Every structure is written in structure tokens, then in C-alpha cells.
């Protein structure tokens, strides 16, 4: 599925829909360059889950847990990990195979340990179509 957005509000709204549609155990693998809108989409997902606290990218903590919504939300940012073994140290599998929604930013860096069943969400810019244009491709793997 390909969705095109032309404003951050549209990207946020897509996130809200993804959050409302999520079920416990879902894993969203988020891929996109710096500044492409990963955090905006993630904030929308959290809102769709009913989480009211501020959502920031957990770049230095690797994972941030949010419990205030209809299910737990586990937000990973794996940009700074050195190698996939570090994921074991933080209990990665407990989150991914847990009872919440797991969102992994920069998931392409740990693709060898992603569960077979996940949604890949790829966000791309195309400046030829405008500064705020985003192409969001969602692929489900079973």
C-alpha cells in the first residue's frame, strides 16, 4: 500500500489510523532518512493508541515505554546500536513478542532479527513534489 501525504498533519493522521488499527503483538518496522517524518508518524500512532504523554525519539535510550493507552507502546530507535547483540541486552524479544505495539525506527539496521510477521513502513521524500511531500509505503510480512 502506498500513501502520499503533503503536510505533517496528514502524516500524523495516518499514524493515528495505524495506532487505532494496531493489535497487541504488532510490530511496525519504520524506515526513512533523517528528517523524513518518522517521529511525526510515531506521535500519531501513540495518539491513535490513546497515549497522551509527549512522544520523543528515544535515540540515546534505545527504547521508551508508554503505558497510558489501550495497550503498551514500545518505541525503539536503533540508529545508534553497534550490533544486533545489543538488542538482547535490552530485552528486545520481551518487547517484540509482548502484549503491546512495538515501533522500531531505523529497523533496516536490525532486519536480521525482525520477527517474520511485521509491517514495514517506509517514508520517503521527493523534493520535486514539494518540501512537505511524503511517500509512505506499508508492506505486511507474515
Protein backbone atom coordinates (compact mmCIF):
# COMPACT_ATOMS: atom_id res chain seq x y z
CA UNK A 1 0.00 0.00 0.00
CA UNK A 2 1.32 3.44 -0.91
CA UNK A 3 0.04 6.62 0.77
CA UNK A 4 1.13 10.09 -0.29
CA UNK A 5 0.96 12.96 2.19
CA UNK A 6 1.55 16.65 1.57
CA UNK A 7 1.59 18.04 5.11
CA UNK A 8 2.82 16.86 8.50
CA UNK A 9 -0.83 16.76 9.65
CA UNK A 10 -1.61 14.13 7.01
CA UNK A 11 1.34 12.01 8.14
CA UNK A 12 0.20 12.38 11.75
CA UNK A 13 -3.35 11.39 10.77
CA UNK A 14 -2.07 8.26 9.03
CA UNK A 15 -0.23 7.44 12.26
CA UNK A 16 -3.48 7.84 14.23
CA UNK A 17 -5.15 5.32 11.92
CA UNK A 18 -2.26 2.86 12.33
CA UNK A 19 -2.47 3.26 16.10
CA UNK A 20 -6.23 2.69 16.19
CA UNK A 21 -5.87 -0.42 13.98
CA UNK A 22 -2.99 -1.94 15.97
CA UNK A 23 -3.48 -5.11 18.00
CA UNK A 24 -1.31 -6.47 20.82
CA UNK A 25 1.83 -8.08 19.44
CA UNK A 26 2.04 -5.93 16.29
CA UNK A 27 5.50 -4.81 15.19
CA UNK A 28 5.95 -1.76 12.97
CA UNK A 29 9.37 -1.54 11.30
CA UNK A 30 9.89 2.13 10.42
CA UNK A 31 12.46 3.06 7.78
CA UNK A 32 13.39 6.50 6.48
CA UNK A 33 16.16 9.06 6.36
CA UNK A 34 16.74 11.76 8.96
CA UNK A 35 14.06 14.44 8.91
CA UNK A 36 11.60 12.44 6.81
CA UNK A 37 8.80 12.39 9.42
CA UNK A 38 9.33 9.20 11.43
CA UNK A 39 8.70 10.99 14.73
CA UNK A 40 5.55 12.73 13.43
CA UNK A 41 4.15 9.37 12.29
CA UNK A 42 5.08 7.80 15.63
CA UNK A 43 3.38 10.61 17.55
CA UNK A 44 0.23 9.97 15.53
CA UNK A 45 0.41 6.24 16.27
CA UNK A 46 0.70 6.97 20.00
CA UNK A 47 -2.31 9.29 19.78
CA UNK A 48 -4.25 6.56 17.98
CA UNK A 49 -3.44 4.26 20.90
CA UNK A 50 -4.79 6.85 23.34
CA UNK A 51 -1.40 7.83 24.77
CA UNK A 52 -1.42 11.45 25.92
CA UNK A 53 2.16 11.96 27.12
CA UNK A 54 4.72 13.57 24.79
CA UNK A 55 6.45 11.21 22.35
CA UNK A 56 10.10 11.84 21.51
CA UNK A 57 12.55 9.70 19.64
CA UNK A 58 14.49 7.55 22.15
CA UNK A 59 17.79 7.99 20.30
CA UNK A 60 20.01 7.74 23.37
CA UNK A 61 17.92 5.33 25.45
CA UNK A 62 17.13 2.97 22.53
CA UNK A 63 13.67 2.12 23.89
CA UNK A 64 10.91 4.15 25.52
CA UNK A 65 7.85 2.51 27.06
CA UNK A 66 4.44 4.16 27.17
CA UNK A 67 1.66 2.59 29.23
CA UNK A 68 -1.13 5.19 29.17
CA UNK A 69 -3.09 3.93 26.16
CA UNK A 70 -5.26 0.95 25.32
CA UNK A 71 -2.12 -1.23 25.13
CA UNK A 72 1.57 -0.72 25.90
CA UNK A 73 3.60 1.09 23.25
CA UNK A 74 7.29 0.21 22.91
CA UNK A 75 9.17 2.78 20.85
CA UNK A 76 12.67 1.77 19.71
CA UNK A 77 15.24 3.91 17.94
CA UNK A 78 18.10 1.63 16.93
CA UNK A 79 20.10 4.23 14.98
CA UNK A 80 22.96 4.18 17.49
CA UNK A 81 23.30 0.46 18.17
CA UNK A 82 26.65 -1.02 17.29
CA UNK A 83 25.42 -4.51 16.52
CA UNK A 84 22.31 -6.63 16.93
CA UNK A 85 23.64 -8.41 20.04
CA UNK A 86 22.99 -5.15 21.93
CA UNK A 87 19.29 -5.74 21.36
CA UNK A 88 19.43 -8.90 23.50
CA UNK A 89 20.90 -6.87 26.36
CA UNK A 90 17.87 -4.59 26.50
CA UNK A 91 15.34 -7.42 26.33
CA UNK A 92 14.29 -6.86 22.72
CA UNK A 93 12.37 -10.13 22.42
CA UNK A 94 10.34 -9.39 25.55
CA UNK A 95 9.03 -6.28 23.82
CA UNK A 96 8.60 -7.65 20.31
CA UNK A 97 6.80 -10.79 21.48
CA UNK A 98 4.95 -8.95 24.25
CA UNK A 99 1.43 -7.64 24.66
CA UNK A 100 1.83 -4.19 23.14
CA UNK A 101 2.66 -2.43 19.90
CA UNK A 102 6.37 -2.28 19.09
CA UNK A 103 7.59 0.52 16.80
CA UNK A 104 11.20 0.27 15.61
CA UNK A 105 12.77 3.32 13.96
CA UNK A 106 15.72 2.53 11.66
CA UNK A 107 14.50 -1.10 11.55
CA UNK A 108 16.63 -1.76 8.45
CA UNK A 109 19.67 -1.76 10.78
CA UNK A 110 18.37 -4.86 12.61
CA UNK A 111 16.42 -6.56 9.82
CA UNK A 112 18.01 -9.95 10.56
CA UNK A 113 16.27 -10.09 13.95
CA UNK A 114 12.88 -8.63 12.99
CA UNK A 115 10.05 -11.10 13.52
CA UNK A 116 8.69 -12.67 10.33
CA UNK A 117 5.30 -11.08 10.99
CA UNK A 118 5.62 -7.30 10.92
CA UNK A 119 4.60 -4.21 8.98
CA UNK A 120 7.35 -2.33 7.23
CA UNK A 121 6.59 1.39 6.99
CA UNK A 122 8.96 3.21 4.63
CA UNK A 123 8.83 7.00 4.43
CA UNK A 124 10.49 8.84 1.55
CA UNK A 125 10.72 12.49 0.49
CA UNK A 126 10.60 13.72 -3.08
CA UNK A 127 11.53 17.41 -3.18
CA UNK A 128 10.36 17.58 -6.79
CA UNK A 129 6.83 17.11 -5.43
CA UNK A 130 7.22 19.71 -2.68
CA UNK A 131 9.01 20.17 0.64
CA UNK A 132 6.21 18.53 2.65
CA UNK A 133 5.52 15.65 0.27
CA UNK A 134 6.00 12.15 1.69
CA UNK A 135 5.58 8.75 0.04
CA UNK A 136 4.72 6.18 2.70
CA UNK A 137 4.85 2.54 1.67
CA UNK A 138 3.37 -0.05 4.03
CA UNK A 139 4.23 -3.69 3.40
CA UNK A 140 2.93 -6.52 5.57
CA UNK A 141 5.08 -9.58 6.15
CA UNK A 142 3.55 -12.76 7.58
